[in-house]
Amino acid sequence: MTDVAGAGFQMHRPGADGAPARATASTPQKDDPPTLDAAATVDLRSDDAGARVQAVLDAVDAELVGLHGVKRRIREIAALLMVDRARAQFGLSATRPSLHMSFTGGPGTGKTTVAMRMAEILHALGYLRVPRVHAVTRDDLVGQFIGHTAPKTKEALAKAAGGVLFIDEAYYLFRPENERDYGQEAIEILLQEMESERATLVVIFAGYEARMEKFFASNPGLSSRVAHHIAFEDFSKDELVDIAELMLARDDYRLSPDASTAFGEYLDRRRQLPRFANARSVRNALERCRLRQANRLVEKSGSVGRDDLMTLTEEDVRSSSVFAKSVEDAVDP
């Protein structure tokens, strides 16, 4: 899976530049067209905004392997917003829908990538001022002593203003076993901002499905503010192979036929080991294959050609400790 965002996209993580000023617009469109006559018609996809949304949807299809259910939900949300935009042009009621979301699934299933693309769609349609995702975890929101949580949470919200606040492993905000934990304070501030700033901010909560269900069940007010729940399934072996090929092609690499067979066996073994992270684990495995290839080429006597530099061999794949006889031996999968 590639994490390639569209032109002009910004991905902000903790420690990014200063917080932007909050937007005050309450309507989706920055420059709303005049109300159309009742007999007029509009082409939902022919104007600039519609074309930009379609370009993002096409990029999602091209960049992301599998995830058919996720892609369908993205298209449904985009379609709803495009129709609401058309309704506004006719003077029909088009109240801004709730756009806060929950992304559930294992690591490496594309949640951050989809958040990026969703930010582009919402920006194209005027629902966000900037196509930016500010990604945080519990450590960026919750303090360790009294009076520390509110400033941290508000700083994160300020950096996300006008765009998307992406909270990874959001369930760690709620720790009922620790009565002195300040996570609940962060949640209460988020609830206030999700309601009062709903015209300028979208919050996406992400994490494992079972833990996220418990997290939302713990706070009905939070659950009621999240309109879109999108599940990201683990990739199949064939999809992981396709992802690997896309990653390699992007960087001008390829697997030899024997290496391709070996990589399939690698995936069979790696998926049975702890901490498997779907596309993330595939990317890490390919990086280690490249390290082995580089070491092999440097140690090889004589010169190397273009094909040598591009091709990962069976040796580069099978040198992984995943092919060790026992799980305990696979120290560097």
C-alpha atoms as a PDB file:
ATOM      1  CA  MET A   1       0.000   0.000   0.000  1.00  0.00           C
ATOM      2  CA  THR A   2       1.311   3.396  -0.822  1.00  0.00           C
ATOM      3  CA  ASP A   3       0.847   6.410   1.405  1.00  0.00           C
ATOM      4  CA  VAL A   4       0.927   8.906  -1.443  1.00  0.00           C
ATOM      5  CA  ALA A   5      -1.225  11.960  -0.881  1.00  0.00           C
ATOM      6  CA  GLY A   6      -2.441  14.345  -3.534  1.00  0.00           C
ATOM      7  CA  ALA A   7      -0.815  17.601  -4.478  1.00  0.00           C
ATOM      8  CA  GLY A   8      -0.871  20.186  -1.723  1.00  0.00           C
ATOM      9  CA  PHE A   9      -1.663  17.665   0.998  1.00  0.00           C
ATOM     10  CA  GLN A  10      -0.134  18.195   4.410  1.00  0.00           C
ATOM     11  CA  MET A  11       0.311  15.526   7.067  1.00  0.00           C
ATOM     12  CA  HIS A  12       0.940  17.024  10.506  1.00  0.00           C
ATOM     13  CA  ARG A  13       2.189  15.027  13.451  1.00  0.00           C
ATOM     14  CA  PRO A  14       3.109  16.177  16.954  1.00  0.00           C
ATOM     15  CA  GLY A  15       5.785  18.829  16.837  1.00  0.00           C
ATOM     16  CA  ALA A  16       4.538  20.348  13.571  1.00  0.00           C
ATOM     17  CA  ASP A  17       4.563  24.078  12.932  1.00  0.00           C
ATOM     18  CA  GLY A  18       2.370  26.540  14.785  1.00  0.00           C
ATOM     19  CA  ALA A  19      -1.367  26.243  15.046  1.00  0.00           C
ATOM     20  CA  PRO A  20      -3.440  27.839  12.290  1.00  0.00           C
ATOM     21  CA  ALA A  21      -6.174  30.298  13.102  1.00  0.00           C
ATOM     22  CA  ARG A  22      -9.598  28.763  13.545  1.00  0.00           C
ATOM     23  CA  ALA A  23     -12.011  29.087  10.651  1.00  0.00           C
ATOM     24  CA  THR A  24     -15.386  30.624  11.428  1.00  0.00           C
ATOM     25  CA  ALA A  25     -17.355  29.673   8.319  1.00  0.00           C
ATOM     26  CA  SER A  26     -20.511  27.723   9.138  1.00  0.00           C
ATOM     27  CA  THR A  27     -21.451  26.633   5.630  1.00  0.00           C
ATOM     28  CA  PRO A  28     -19.719  24.033   3.439  1.00  0.00           C
ATOM     29  CA  GLN A  29     -18.959  26.265   0.487  1.00  0.00           C
ATOM     30  CA  LYS A  30     -16.431  29.032   0.513  1.00  0.00           C
ATOM     31  CA  ASP A  31     -17.962  30.713  -2.557  1.00  0.00           C
ATOM     32  CA  ASP A  32     -21.545  29.504  -2.816  1.00  0.00           C
ATOM     33  CA  PRO A  33     -23.065  29.954  -6.295  1.00  0.00           C
ATOM     34  CA  PRO A  34     -26.379  31.792  -6.651  1.00  0.00           C
ATOM     35  CA  THR A  35     -29.538  29.797  -5.972  1.00  0.00           C
ATOM     36  CA  LEU A  36     -30.567  28.040  -9.188  1.00  0.00           C
ATOM     37  CA  ASP A  37     -33.965  28.178 -10.841  1.00  0.00           C
ATOM     38  CA  ALA A  38     -36.206  25.200 -10.069  1.00  0.00           C
ATOM     39  CA  ALA A  39     -36.082  24.113 -13.727  1.00  0.00           C
ATOM     40  CA  ALA A  40     -32.278  24.091 -13.876  1.00  0.00           C
ATOM     41  CA  THR A  41     -30.076  20.999 -13.695  1.00  0.00           C
ATOM     42  CA  VAL A  42     -26.572  20.468 -12.332  1.00  0.00           C
ATOM     43  CA  ASP A  43     -23.947  17.909 -13.217  1.00  0.00           C
ATOM     44  CA  LEU A  44     -22.678  16.591  -9.911  1.00  0.00           C
ATOM     45  CA  ARG A  45     -19.229  15.721 -11.263  1.00  0.00           C
ATOM     46  CA  SER A  46     -18.518  18.290 -13.973  1.00  0.00           C
ATOM     47  CA  ASP A  47     -17.471  21.305 -11.889  1.00  0.00           C
ATOM     48  CA  ASP A  48     -14.060  21.789 -10.328  1.00  0.00           C
ATOM     49  CA  ALA A  49     -14.986  20.398  -6.922  1.00  0.00           C
ATOM     50  CA  GLY A  50     -16.664  17.326  -8.402  1.00  0.00           C
ATOM     51  CA  ALA A  51     -13.682  16.685 -10.641  1.00  0.00           C
ATOM     52  CA  ARG A  52     -11.291  16.940  -7.693  1.00  0.00           C
ATOM     53  CA  VAL A  53     -13.368  14.498  -5.664  1.00  0.00           C
ATOM     54  CA  GLN A  54     -13.442  12.058  -8.560  1.00  0.00           C
ATOM     55  CA  ALA A  55      -9.656  12.344  -8.896  1.00  0.00           C
ATOM     56  CA  VAL A  56      -9.245  11.461  -5.216  1.00  0.00           C
ATOM     57  CA  LEU A  57     -11.612   8.491  -5.526  1.00  0.00           C
ATOM     58  CA  ASP A  58      -9.691   7.270  -8.579  1.00  0.00           C
ATOM     59  CA  ALA A  59      -6.430   7.612  -6.638  1.00  0.00           C
ATOM     60  CA  VAL A  60      -7.882   5.552  -3.781  1.00  0.00           C
ATOM     61  CA  ASP A  61      -8.794   2.789  -6.232  1.00  0.00           C
ATOM     62  CA  ALA A  62      -5.337   2.895  -7.807  1.00  0.00           C
ATOM     63  CA  GLU A  63      -3.287   3.118  -4.629  1.00  0.00           C
ATOM     64  CA  LEU A  64      -5.120   0.836  -2.231  1.00  0.00           C
ATOM     65  CA  VAL A  65      -5.280  -2.905  -2.800  1.00  0.00           C
ATOM     66  CA  GLY A  66      -8.484  -4.607  -1.637  1.00  0.00           C
ATOM     67  CA  LEU A  67     -10.477  -2.693   1.013  1.00  0.00           C
ATOM     68  CA  HIS A  68     -13.617  -2.921  -1.126  1.00  0.00           C
ATOM     69  CA  GLY A  69     -15.943  -2.159   1.776  1.00  0.00           C
ATOM     70  CA  VAL A  70     -13.868   0.859   2.778  1.00  0.00           C
ATOM     71  CA  LYS A  71     -13.819   2.205  -0.769  1.00  0.00           C
ATOM     72  CA  ARG A  72     -17.583   1.796  -1.011  1.00  0.00           C
ATOM     73  CA  ARG A  73     -18.138   3.782   2.186  1.00  0.00           C
ATOM     74  CA  ILE A  74     -15.814   6.550   1.015  1.00  0.00           C
ATOM     75  CA  ARG A  75     -17.766   6.834  -2.231  1.00  0.00           C
ATOM     76  CA  GLU A  76     -21.066   6.873  -0.339  1.00  0.00           C
ATOM     77  CA  ILE A  77     -19.905   9.685   1.942  1.00  0.00           C
ATOM     78  CA  ALA A  78     -18.552  11.646  -1.029  1.00  0.00           C
ATOM     79  CA  ALA A  79     -21.810  11.135  -2.927  1.00  0.00           C
ATOM     80  CA  LEU A  80     -23.888  12.352   0.032  1.00  0.00           C
ATOM     81  CA  LEU A  81     -21.822  15.514   0.319  1.00  0.00           C
ATOM     82  CA  MET A  82     -21.949  16.180  -3.413  1.00  0.00           C
ATOM     83  CA  VAL A  83     -25.744  15.834  -3.373  1.00  0.00           C
ATOM     84  CA  ASP A  84     -25.991  18.144  -0.352  1.00  0.00           C
ATOM     85  CA  ARG A  85     -23.869  20.629  -2.257  1.00  0.00           C
ATOM     86  CA  ALA A  86     -26.257  20.460  -5.206  1.00  0.00           C
ATOM     87  CA  ARG A  87     -29.261  20.876  -2.899  1.00  0.00           C
ATOM     88  CA  ALA A  88     -27.741  24.044  -1.485  1.00  0.00           C
ATOM     89  CA  GLN A  89     -27.448  25.444  -5.011  1.00  0.00           C
ATOM     90  CA  PHE A  90     -31.217  25.080  -5.407  1.00  0.00           C
ATOM     91  CA  GLY A  91     -31.881  26.666  -2.042  1.00  0.00           C
ATOM     92  CA  LEU A  92     -32.967  23.353  -0.515  1.00  0.00           C
ATOM     93  CA  SER A  93     -32.199  22.394   3.051  1.00  0.00           C
ATOM     94  CA  ALA A  94     -28.620  21.125   3.241  1.00  0.00           C
ATOM     95  CA  THR A  95     -27.677  21.050   6.901  1.00  0.00           C
ATOM     96  CA  ARG A  96     -24.052  20.167   7.442  1.00  0.00           C
ATOM     97  CA  PRO A  97     -23.937  16.451   8.300  1.00  0.00           C
ATOM     98  CA  SER A  98     -21.836  15.076  11.129  1.00  0.00           C
ATOM     99  CA  LEU A  99     -18.490  14.080   9.634  1.00  0.00           C
ATOM    100  CA  HIS A 100     -16.718  12.660  12.671  1.00  0.00           C
ATOM    101  CA  MET A 101     -15.620   9.077  11.978  1.00  0.00           C
ATOM    102  CA  SER A 102     -14.312   5.852  13.463  1.00  0.00           C
ATOM    103  CA  PHE A 103     -11.805   3.683  11.590  1.00  0.00           C
ATOM    104  CA  THR A 104     -11.438   0.193  13.040  1.00  0.00           C
ATOM    105  CA  GLY A 105      -8.951  -2.465  12.011  1.00  0.00           C
ATOM    106  CA  GLY A 106      -5.504  -3.876  12.581  1.00  0.00           C
ATOM    107  CA  PRO A 107      -2.223  -2.061  11.981  1.00  0.00           C
ATOM    108  CA  GLY A 108      -1.111  -1.531   8.398  1.00  0.00           C
ATOM    109  CA  THR A 109      -4.610  -1.727   6.897  1.00  0.00           C
ATOM    110  CA  GLY A 110      -4.607   1.780   5.423  1.00  0.00           C
ATOM    111  CA  LYS A 111      -6.458   3.808   8.056  1.00  0.00           C
ATOM    112  CA  THR A 112      -4.057   6.752   7.968  1.00  0.00           C
ATOM    113  CA  THR A 113      -3.931   6.728   4.170  1.00  0.00           C
ATOM    114  CA  VAL A 114      -7.723   6.815   3.934  1.00  0.00           C
ATOM    115  CA  ALA A 115      -7.838   9.645   6.488  1.00  0.00           C
ATOM    116  CA  MET A 116      -5.541  11.624   4.200  1.00  0.00           C
ATOM    117  CA  ARG A 117      -7.745  11.015   1.189  1.00  0.00           C
ATOM    118  CA  MET A 118     -10.889  11.811   3.146  1.00  0.00           C
ATOM    119  CA  ALA A 119      -9.358  15.146   4.139  1.00  0.00           C
ATOM    120  CA  GLU A 120      -8.803  15.910   0.450  1.00  0.00           C
ATOM    121  CA  ILE A 121     -12.413  15.063  -0.411  1.00  0.00           C
ATOM    122  CA  LEU A 122     -13.817  17.201   2.390  1.00  0.00           C
ATOM    123  CA  HIS A 123     -11.552  20.080   1.429  1.00  0.00           C
ATOM    124  CA  ALA A 124     -12.526  19.846  -2.245  1.00  0.00           C
ATOM    125  CA  LEU A 125     -16.211  20.127  -1.304  1.00  0.00           C
ATOM    126  CA  GLY A 126     -15.647  23.013   1.105  1.00  0.00           C
ATOM    127  CA  TYR A 127     -16.237  21.108   4.353  1.00  0.00           C
ATOM    128  CA  LEU A 128     -12.633  21.612   5.487  1.00  0.00           C
ATOM    129  CA  ARG A 129     -10.536  24.731   5.147  1.00  0.00           C
ATOM    130  CA  VAL A 130      -7.305  22.789   4.624  1.00  0.00           C
ATOM    131  CA  PRO A 131      -6.608  19.196   3.441  1.00  0.00           C
ATOM    132  CA  ARG A 132      -4.522  18.454   6.521  1.00  0.00           C
ATOM    133  CA  VAL A 133      -4.425  15.521   8.946  1.00  0.00           C
ATOM    134  CA  HIS A 134      -2.919  16.077  12.377  1.00  0.00           C
ATOM    135  CA  ALA A 135      -2.182  12.636  13.837  1.00  0.00           C
ATOM    136  CA  VAL A 136      -1.949  12.122  17.600  1.00  0.00           C
ATOM    137  CA  THR A 137      -1.988   9.392  20.244  1.00  0.00           C
ATOM    138  CA  ARG A 138      -2.879   9.416  23.929  1.00  0.00           C
ATOM    139  CA  ASP A 139       0.542  10.834  24.856  1.00  0.00           C
ATOM    140  CA  ASP A 140      -0.188  13.952  22.798  1.00  0.00           C
ATOM    141  CA  LEU A 141      -3.501  14.607  24.562  1.00  0.00           C
ATOM    142  CA  VAL A 142      -3.255  13.378  28.154  1.00  0.00           C
ATOM    143  CA  GLY A 143      -1.020  14.898  30.795  1.00  0.00           C
ATOM    144  CA  GLN A 144       0.590  13.215  33.785  1.00  0.00           C
ATOM    145  CA  PHE A 145      -0.478  15.697  36.426  1.00  0.00           C
ATOM    146  CA  ILE A 146      -3.376  18.031  37.265  1.00  0.00           C
ATOM    147  CA  GLY A 147      -3.746  20.931  34.842  1.00  0.00           C
ATOM    148  CA  HIS A 148      -1.594  19.379  32.134  1.00  0.00           C
ATOM    149  CA  THR A 149      -4.215  17.594  30.016  1.00  0.00           C
ATOM    150  CA  ALA A 150      -6.344  20.557  28.964  1.00  0.00           C
ATOM    151  CA  PRO A 151      -3.457  22.558  27.421  1.00  0.00           C
ATOM    152  CA  LYS A 152      -2.144  19.482  25.585  1.00  0.00           C
ATOM    153  CA  THR A 153      -5.543  18.544  24.175  1.00  0.00           C
ATOM    154  CA  LYS A 154      -6.350  22.104  23.157  1.00  0.00           C
ATOM    155  CA  GLU A 155      -2.955  22.439  21.466  1.00  0.00           C
ATOM    156  CA  ALA A 156      -3.660  19.338  19.380  1.00  0.00           C
ATOM    157  CA  LEU A 157      -7.099  20.669  18.481  1.00  0.00           C
ATOM    158  CA  ALA A 158      -5.628  24.024  17.483  1.00  0.00           C
ATOM    159  CA  LYS A 159      -3.122  22.339  15.169  1.00  0.00           C
ATOM    160  CA  ALA A 160      -5.931  20.333  13.573  1.00  0.00           C
ATOM    161  CA  ALA A 161      -8.284  23.304  13.209  1.00  0.00           C
ATOM    162  CA  GLY A 162      -9.750  23.520   9.729  1.00  0.00           C
ATOM    163  CA  GLY A 163      -8.703  19.947   8.974  1.00  0.00           C
ATOM    164  CA  VAL A 164      -8.753  16.463  10.488  1.00  0.00           C
ATOM    165  CA  LEU A 165      -7.640  15.350  13.946  1.00  0.00           C
ATOM    166  CA  PHE A 166      -6.673  11.663  13.656  1.00  0.00           C
ATOM    167  CA  ILE A 167      -6.488   9.918  17.054  1.00  0.00           C
ATOM    168  CA  ASP A 168      -4.738   6.561  16.736  1.00  0.00           C
ATOM    169  CA  GLU A 169      -5.372   3.848  19.346  1.00  0.00           C
ATOM    170  CA  ALA A 170      -8.076   6.127  20.731  1.00  0.00           C
ATOM    171  CA  TYR A 171      -9.242   3.545  23.297  1.00  0.00           C
ATOM    172  CA  TYR A 172      -6.168   4.310  25.402  1.00  0.00           C
ATOM    173  CA  LEU A 173      -7.834   7.600  26.315  1.00  0.00           C
ATOM    174  CA  PHE A 174     -10.219   5.619  28.529  1.00  0.00           C
ATOM    175  CA  ARG A 175      -8.635   3.773  31.458  1.00  0.00           C
ATOM    176  CA  PRO A 176     -11.361   3.016  33.994  1.00  0.00           C
ATOM    177  CA  GLU A 177      -9.020   0.881  36.092  1.00  0.00           C
ATOM    178  CA  ASN A 178      -7.093   4.025  37.053  1.00  0.00           C
ATOM    179  CA  GLU A 179      -9.310   6.508  38.910  1.00  0.00           C
ATOM    180  CA  ARG A 180      -6.559   9.142  38.758  1.00  0.00           C
ATOM    181  CA  ASP A 181      -6.153   8.910  35.014  1.00  0.00           C
ATOM    182  CA  TYR A 182      -6.712  12.150  33.096  1.00  0.00           C
ATOM    183  CA  GLY A 183      -7.890  10.570  29.846  1.00  0.00           C
ATOM    184  CA  GLN A 184     -11.523  11.321  30.668  1.00  0.00           C
ATOM    185  CA  GLU A 185     -10.676  15.005  30.825  1.00  0.00           C
ATOM    186  CA  ALA A 186      -9.268  14.829  27.291  1.00  0.00           C
ATOM    187  CA  ILE A 187     -12.418  13.035  26.108  1.00  0.00           C
ATOM    188  CA  GLU A 188     -14.658  15.729  27.608  1.00  0.00           C
ATOM    189  CA  ILE A 189     -12.696  18.468  25.855  1.00  0.00           C
ATOM    190  CA  LEU A 190     -12.889  16.538  22.582  1.00  0.00           C
ATOM    191  CA  LEU A 191     -16.654  16.194  22.988  1.00  0.00           C
ATOM    192  CA  GLN A 192     -17.042  19.936  23.449  1.00  0.00           C
ATOM    193  CA  GLU A 193     -14.905  20.750  20.413  1.00  0.00           C
ATOM    194  CA  MET A 194     -16.530  18.097  18.213  1.00  0.00           C
ATOM    195  CA  GLU A 195     -19.855  19.840  18.803  1.00  0.00           C
ATOM    196  CA  SER A 196     -18.876  23.512  18.921  1.00  0.00           C
ATOM    197  CA  GLU A 197     -16.345  23.316  16.066  1.00  0.00           C
ATOM    198  CA  ARG A 198     -18.185  20.759  13.917  1.00  0.00           C
ATOM    199  CA  ALA A 199     -18.211  23.243  11.018  1.00  0.00           C
ATOM    200  CA  THR A 200     -14.420  23.523  10.952  1.00  0.00           C
ATOM    201  CA  LEU A 201     -13.043  20.275  12.382  1.00  0.00           C
ATOM    202  CA  VAL A 202     -13.387  16.545  11.717  1.00  0.00           C
ATOM    203  CA  VAL A 203     -12.211  14.032  14.321  1.00  0.00           C
ATOM    204  CA  ILE A 204     -11.342  10.464  13.302  1.00  0.00           C
ATOM    205  CA  PHE A 205     -10.893   7.848  16.040  1.00  0.00           C
ATOM    206  CA  ALA A 206      -8.886   4.769  15.049  1.00  0.00           C
ATOM    207  CA  GLY A 207      -7.904   1.442  16.570  1.00  0.00           C
ATOM    208  CA  TYR A 208      -8.669  -2.256  16.934  1.00  0.00           C
ATOM    209  CA  GLU A 209     -12.362  -3.043  16.453  1.00  0.00           C
ATOM    210  CA  ALA A 210     -13.103  -4.817  19.759  1.00  0.00           C
ATOM    211  CA  ARG A 211     -11.334  -2.175  21.825  1.00  0.00           C
ATOM    212  CA  MET A 212     -13.012   0.649  19.922  1.00  0.00           C
ATOM    213  CA  GLU A 213     -16.453  -0.849  20.589  1.00  0.00           C
ATOM    214  CA  LYS A 214     -15.694  -0.885  24.307  1.00  0.00           C
ATOM    215  CA  PHE A 215     -14.358   2.666  24.077  1.00  0.00           C
ATOM    216  CA  PHE A 216     -17.540   4.014  22.478  1.00  0.00           C
ATOM    217  CA  ALA A 217     -19.760   1.990  24.827  1.00  0.00           C
ATOM    218  CA  SER A 218     -18.048   3.719  27.745  1.00  0.00           C
ATOM    219  CA  ASN A 219     -19.234   7.131  26.570  1.00  0.00           C
ATOM    220  CA  PRO A 220     -22.640   7.367  24.823  1.00  0.00           C
ATOM    221  CA  GLY A 221     -22.093  11.075  24.180  1.00  0.00           C
ATOM    222  CA  LEU A 222     -18.962  10.301  22.213  1.00  0.00           C
ATOM    223  CA  SER A 223     -20.599   7.497  20.264  1.00  0.00           C
ATOM    224  CA  SER A 224     -23.552   9.688  19.284  1.00  0.00           C
ATOM    225  CA  ARG A 225     -21.231  12.254  17.710  1.00  0.00           C
ATOM    226  CA  VAL A 226     -19.512   9.734  15.429  1.00  0.00           C
ATOM    227  CA  ALA A 227     -21.700   9.191  12.389  1.00  0.00           C
ATOM    228  CA  HIS A 228     -19.469   7.054  10.193  1.00  0.00           C
ATOM    229  CA  HIS A 229     -17.966   3.774  11.395  1.00  0.00           C
ATOM    230  CA  ILE A 230     -15.684   2.195   8.784  1.00  0.00           C
ATOM    231  CA  ALA A 231     -14.107  -1.243   9.233  1.00  0.00           C
ATOM    232  CA  PHE A 232     -10.720  -2.057   7.686  1.00  0.00           C
ATOM    233  CA  GLU A 233     -10.210  -5.789   7.170  1.00  0.00           C
ATOM    234  CA  ASP A 234      -6.851  -7.547   7.243  1.00  0.00           C
ATOM    235  CA  PHE A 235      -5.386  -8.204   3.811  1.00  0.00           C
ATOM    236  CA  SER A 236      -5.377 -11.663   2.270  1.00  0.00           C
ATOM    237  CA  LYS A 237      -2.111 -13.246   1.193  1.00  0.00           C
ATOM    238  CA  ASP A 238      -2.793 -12.461  -2.480  1.00  0.00           C
ATOM    239  CA  GLU A 239      -3.533  -8.846  -1.608  1.00  0.00           C
ATOM    240  CA  LEU A 240      -0.286  -8.615   0.372  1.00  0.00           C
ATOM    241  CA  VAL A 241       1.612  -9.941  -2.654  1.00  0.00           C
ATOM    242  CA  ASP A 242      -0.048  -7.268  -4.824  1.00  0.00           C
ATOM    243  CA  ILE A 243       0.897  -4.623  -2.257  1.00  0.00           C
ATOM    244  CA  ALA A 244       4.509  -5.803  -2.304  1.00  0.00           C
ATOM    245  CA  GLU A 245       4.615  -5.613  -6.093  1.00  0.00           C
ATOM    246  CA  LEU A 246       3.216  -2.073  -6.041  1.00  0.00           C
ATOM    247  CA  MET A 247       5.786  -1.000  -3.463  1.00  0.00           C
ATOM    248  CA  LEU A 248       8.646  -2.518  -5.433  1.00  0.00           C
ATOM    249  CA  ALA A 249       7.502  -1.070  -8.761  1.00  0.00           C
ATOM    250  CA  ARG A 250       7.247   2.374  -7.211  1.00  0.00           C
ATOM    251  CA  ASP A 251      10.936   2.197  -6.250  1.00  0.00           C
ATOM    252  CA  ASP A 252      12.147   0.466  -9.446  1.00  0.00           C
ATOM    253  CA  TYR A 253      12.649  -2.945  -7.862  1.00  0.00           C
ATOM    254  CA  ARG A 254      11.265  -6.365  -8.726  1.00  0.00           C
ATOM    255  CA  LEU A 255      11.328  -9.924  -7.442  1.00  0.00           C
ATOM    256  CA  SER A 256      12.885 -12.639  -9.559  1.00  0.00           C
ATOM    257  CA  PRO A 257      10.502 -15.572 -10.257  1.00  0.00           C
ATOM    258  CA  ASP A 258      12.182 -17.682  -7.560  1.00  0.00           C
ATOM    259  CA  ALA A 259      12.156 -14.737  -5.166  1.00  0.00           C
ATOM    260  CA  SER A 260       8.442 -14.228  -5.798  1.00  0.00           C
ATOM    261  CA  THR A 261       7.756 -17.834  -4.817  1.00  0.00           C
ATOM    262  CA  ALA A 262       9.942 -17.436  -1.743  1.00  0.00           C
ATOM    263  CA  PHE A 263       8.164 -14.238  -0.748  1.00  0.00           C
ATOM    264  CA  GLY A 264       4.827 -16.045  -0.874  1.00  0.00           C
ATOM    265  CA  GLU A 265       6.250 -18.624   1.535  1.00  0.00           C
ATOM    266  CA  TYR A 266       7.623 -15.797   3.664  1.00  0.00           C
ATOM    267  CA  LEU A 267       4.119 -14.331   3.993  1.00  0.00           C
ATOM    268  CA  ASP A 268       2.664 -17.703   4.981  1.00  0.00           C
ATOM    269  CA  ARG A 269       5.162 -17.898   7.826  1.00  0.00           C
ATOM    270  CA  ARG A 270       5.221 -14.230   8.837  1.00  0.00           C
ATOM    271  CA  ARG A 271       1.447 -14.023   9.212  1.00  0.00           C
ATOM    272  CA  GLN A 272       1.643 -16.726  11.892  1.00  0.00           C
ATOM    273  CA  LEU A 273       4.162 -14.773  13.959  1.00  0.00           C
ATOM    274  CA  PRO A 274       3.392 -12.086  16.552  1.00  0.00           C
ATOM    275  CA  ARG A 275       3.069  -8.386  15.686  1.00  0.00           C
ATOM    276  CA  PHE A 276       2.151  -8.923  12.040  1.00  0.00           C
ATOM    277  CA  ALA A 277       0.999  -5.549  10.679  1.00  0.00           C
ATOM    278  CA  ASN A 278      -0.319  -6.195   7.172  1.00  0.00           C
ATOM    279  CA  ALA A 279       1.082  -3.711   4.637  1.00  0.00           C
ATOM    280  CA  ARG A 280       3.417  -2.242   7.226  1.00  0.00           C
ATOM    281  CA  SER A 281       5.050  -5.632   7.749  1.00  0.00           C
ATOM    282  CA  VAL A 282       5.308  -6.100   3.981  1.00  0.00           C
ATOM    283  CA  ARG A 283       7.083  -2.768   3.649  1.00  0.00           C
ATOM    284  CA  ASN A 284       9.496  -3.663   6.451  1.00  0.00           C
ATOM    285  CA  ALA A 285      10.190  -7.079   4.889  1.00  0.00           C
ATOM    286  CA  LEU A 286      11.016  -5.500   1.533  1.00  0.00           C
ATOM    287  CA  GLU A 287      13.332  -3.011   3.210  1.00  0.00           C
ATOM    288  CA  ARG A 288      15.268  -5.883   4.759  1.00  0.00           C
ATOM    289  CA  CYS A 289      15.369  -7.675   1.387  1.00  0.00           C
ATOM    290  CA  ARG A 290      16.910  -4.554  -0.091  1.00  0.00           C
ATOM    291  CA  LEU A 291      19.518  -4.484   2.683  1.00  0.00           C
ATOM    292  CA  ARG A 292      20.457  -8.081   1.927  1.00  0.00           C
ATOM    293  CA  GLN A 293      20.555  -7.360  -1.797  1.00  0.00           C
ATOM    294  CA  ALA A 294      22.830  -4.360  -1.250  1.00  0.00           C
ATOM    295  CA  ASN A 295      25.189  -6.379   0.941  1.00  0.00           C
ATOM    296  CA  ARG A 296      25.249  -9.189  -1.626  1.00  0.00           C
ATOM    297  CA  LEU A 297      26.026  -6.823  -4.487  1.00  0.00           C
ATOM    298  CA  VAL A 298      28.773  -5.009  -2.603  1.00  0.00           C
ATOM    299  CA  GLU A 299      30.445  -8.262  -1.644  1.00  0.00           C
ATOM    300  CA  LYS A 300      30.095  -9.642  -5.168  1.00  0.00           C
ATOM    301  CA  SER A 301      33.286  -9.425  -7.218  1.00  0.00           C
ATOM    302  CA  GLY A 302      33.127  -7.548 -10.508  1.00  0.00           C
ATOM    303  CA  SER A 303      30.678  -4.943 -11.763  1.00  0.00           C
ATOM    304  CA  VAL A 304      26.890  -4.894 -11.548  1.00  0.00           C
ATOM    305  CA  GLY A 305      24.344  -3.958 -14.186  1.00  0.00           C
ATOM    306  CA  ARG A 306      20.940  -2.323 -14.166  1.00  0.00           C
ATOM    307  CA  ASP A 307      19.090  -5.636 -13.769  1.00  0.00           C
ATOM    308  CA  ASP A 308      21.302  -6.570 -10.826  1.00  0.00           C
ATOM    309  CA  LEU A 309      20.413  -3.297  -9.100  1.00  0.00           C
ATOM    310  CA  MET A 310      16.691  -3.780  -9.693  1.00  0.00           C
ATOM    311  CA  THR A 311      16.266  -7.475  -8.910  1.00  0.00           C
ATOM    312  CA  LEU A 312      15.734  -9.059  -5.504  1.00  0.00           C
ATOM    313  CA  THR A 313      16.699 -12.720  -5.596  1.00  0.00           C
ATOM    314  CA  GLU A 314      15.537 -15.809  -3.749  1.00  0.00           C
ATOM    315  CA  GLU A 315      18.625 -15.545  -1.561  1.00  0.00           C
ATOM    316  CA  ASP A 316      17.629 -12.034  -0.488  1.00  0.00           C
ATOM    317  CA  VAL A 317      14.240 -13.320   0.641  1.00  0.00           C
ATOM    318  CA  ARG A 318      15.172 -16.646   2.208  1.00  0.00           C
ATOM    319  CA  SER A 319      17.917 -15.131   4.340  1.00  0.00           C
ATOM    320  CA  SER A 320      15.166 -13.816   6.616  1.00  0.00           C
ATOM    321  CA  SER A 321      14.994 -15.380  10.076  1.00  0.00           C
ATOM    322  CA  VAL A 322      11.327 -16.094   9.344  1.00  0.00           C
ATOM    323  CA  PHE A 323      12.596 -19.197   7.576  1.00  0.00           C
ATOM    324  CA  ALA A 324      14.231 -20.384  10.807  1.00  0.00           C
ATOM    325  CA  LYS A 325      12.956 -23.663  12.179  1.00  0.00           C
ATOM    326  CA  SER A 326      11.264 -22.216  15.260  1.00  0.00           C
ATOM    327  CA  VAL A 327       9.275 -19.093  16.067  1.00  0.00           C
ATOM    328  CA  GLU A 328      11.789 -18.225  18.779  1.00  0.00           C
ATOM    329  CA  ASP A 329      14.544 -18.052  16.168  1.00  0.00           C
ATOM    330  CA  ALA A 330      12.675 -15.485  14.064  1.00  0.00           C
ATOM    331  CA  VAL A 331      14.115 -12.517  15.909  1.00  0.00           C
ATOM    332  CA  ASP A 332      14.101 -10.169  12.895  1.00  0.00           C
ATOM    333  CA  PRO A 333      11.103 -11.088  10.723  1.00  0.00           C
END
